[in-house]
């Protein structure tokens, strides 16, 4: 997959959610940072799973 230099490549802003590749939030943001103008973080929390950032981030 080739990266598209999206920074103002369109007459509108181009964005996506933070869950594109099956990984944690930070690797997804690293993957997307040069491909889109906006990344909306998708956070989950349940009794079995949570991807909410901890205090160490």
Protein backbone atom coordinates (compact mmCIF):
# COMPACT_ATOMS: atom_id res chain seq x y z
CA UNK A 1 0.00 0.00 0.00
CA UNK A 2 1.42 3.35 -0.98
CA UNK A 3 0.97 6.32 1.28
CA UNK A 4 -0.87 9.26 -0.14
CA UNK A 5 0.44 12.59 1.01
CA UNK A 6 -2.96 13.77 2.16
CA UNK A 7 -2.04 17.03 3.82
CA UNK A 8 -4.36 19.32 1.88
CA UNK A 9 -4.29 17.03 -1.16
CA UNK A 10 -8.04 17.56 -1.55
CA UNK A 11 -10.25 20.67 -1.41
CA UNK A 12 -11.68 19.13 1.78
CA UNK A 13 -10.25 17.44 4.88
CA UNK A 14 -9.81 13.66 4.62
CA UNK A 15 -10.08 11.63 7.83
CA UNK A 16 -10.72 8.18 9.28
CA UNK A 17 -11.05 6.36 12.58
CA UNK A 18 -8.02 5.15 14.54
CA UNK A 19 -8.81 1.45 14.14
CA UNK A 20 -7.63 0.55 10.63
CA UNK A 21 -5.00 -2.13 11.21
CA UNK A 22 -5.47 -4.81 13.90
CA UNK A 23 -3.18 -3.26 16.50
CA UNK A 24 -3.17 -0.74 19.36
CA UNK A 25 -4.01 2.97 18.97
CA UNK A 26 -0.44 4.28 18.68
CA UNK A 27 0.62 1.93 15.82
CA UNK A 28 -2.60 2.84 13.99
CA UNK A 29 -1.93 6.57 14.39
CA UNK A 30 1.68 6.06 13.23
CA UNK A 31 0.36 4.18 10.18
CA UNK A 32 -2.24 6.86 9.37
CA UNK A 33 -0.41 10.09 10.23
CA UNK A 34 0.89 10.79 6.70
CA UNK A 35 -2.17 9.37 4.93
CA UNK A 36 -5.04 11.48 6.30
CA UNK A 37 -5.68 14.95 7.67
CA UNK A 38 -7.76 13.86 10.69
CA UNK A 39 -7.77 10.74 12.88
CA UNK A 40 -10.67 10.19 15.25
CA UNK A 41 -9.67 8.00 18.18
CA UNK A 42 -11.92 4.99 18.75
CA UNK A 43 -11.88 3.91 22.40
CA UNK A 44 -13.52 0.79 23.82
CA UNK A 45 -14.23 -0.25 27.38
CA UNK A 46 -16.02 -3.36 28.62
CA UNK A 47 -15.59 -5.89 31.41
CA UNK A 48 -13.36 -8.01 29.15
CA UNK A 49 -11.42 -5.38 27.15
CA UNK A 50 -10.33 -1.76 27.29
CA UNK A 51 -8.08 0.30 25.05
CA UNK A 52 -8.37 3.45 27.15
CA UNK A 53 -4.94 5.02 27.64
CA UNK A 54 -3.40 4.62 31.07
CA UNK A 55 -1.52 7.23 33.05
CA UNK A 56 1.79 6.21 31.44
CA UNK A 57 0.82 7.63 28.06
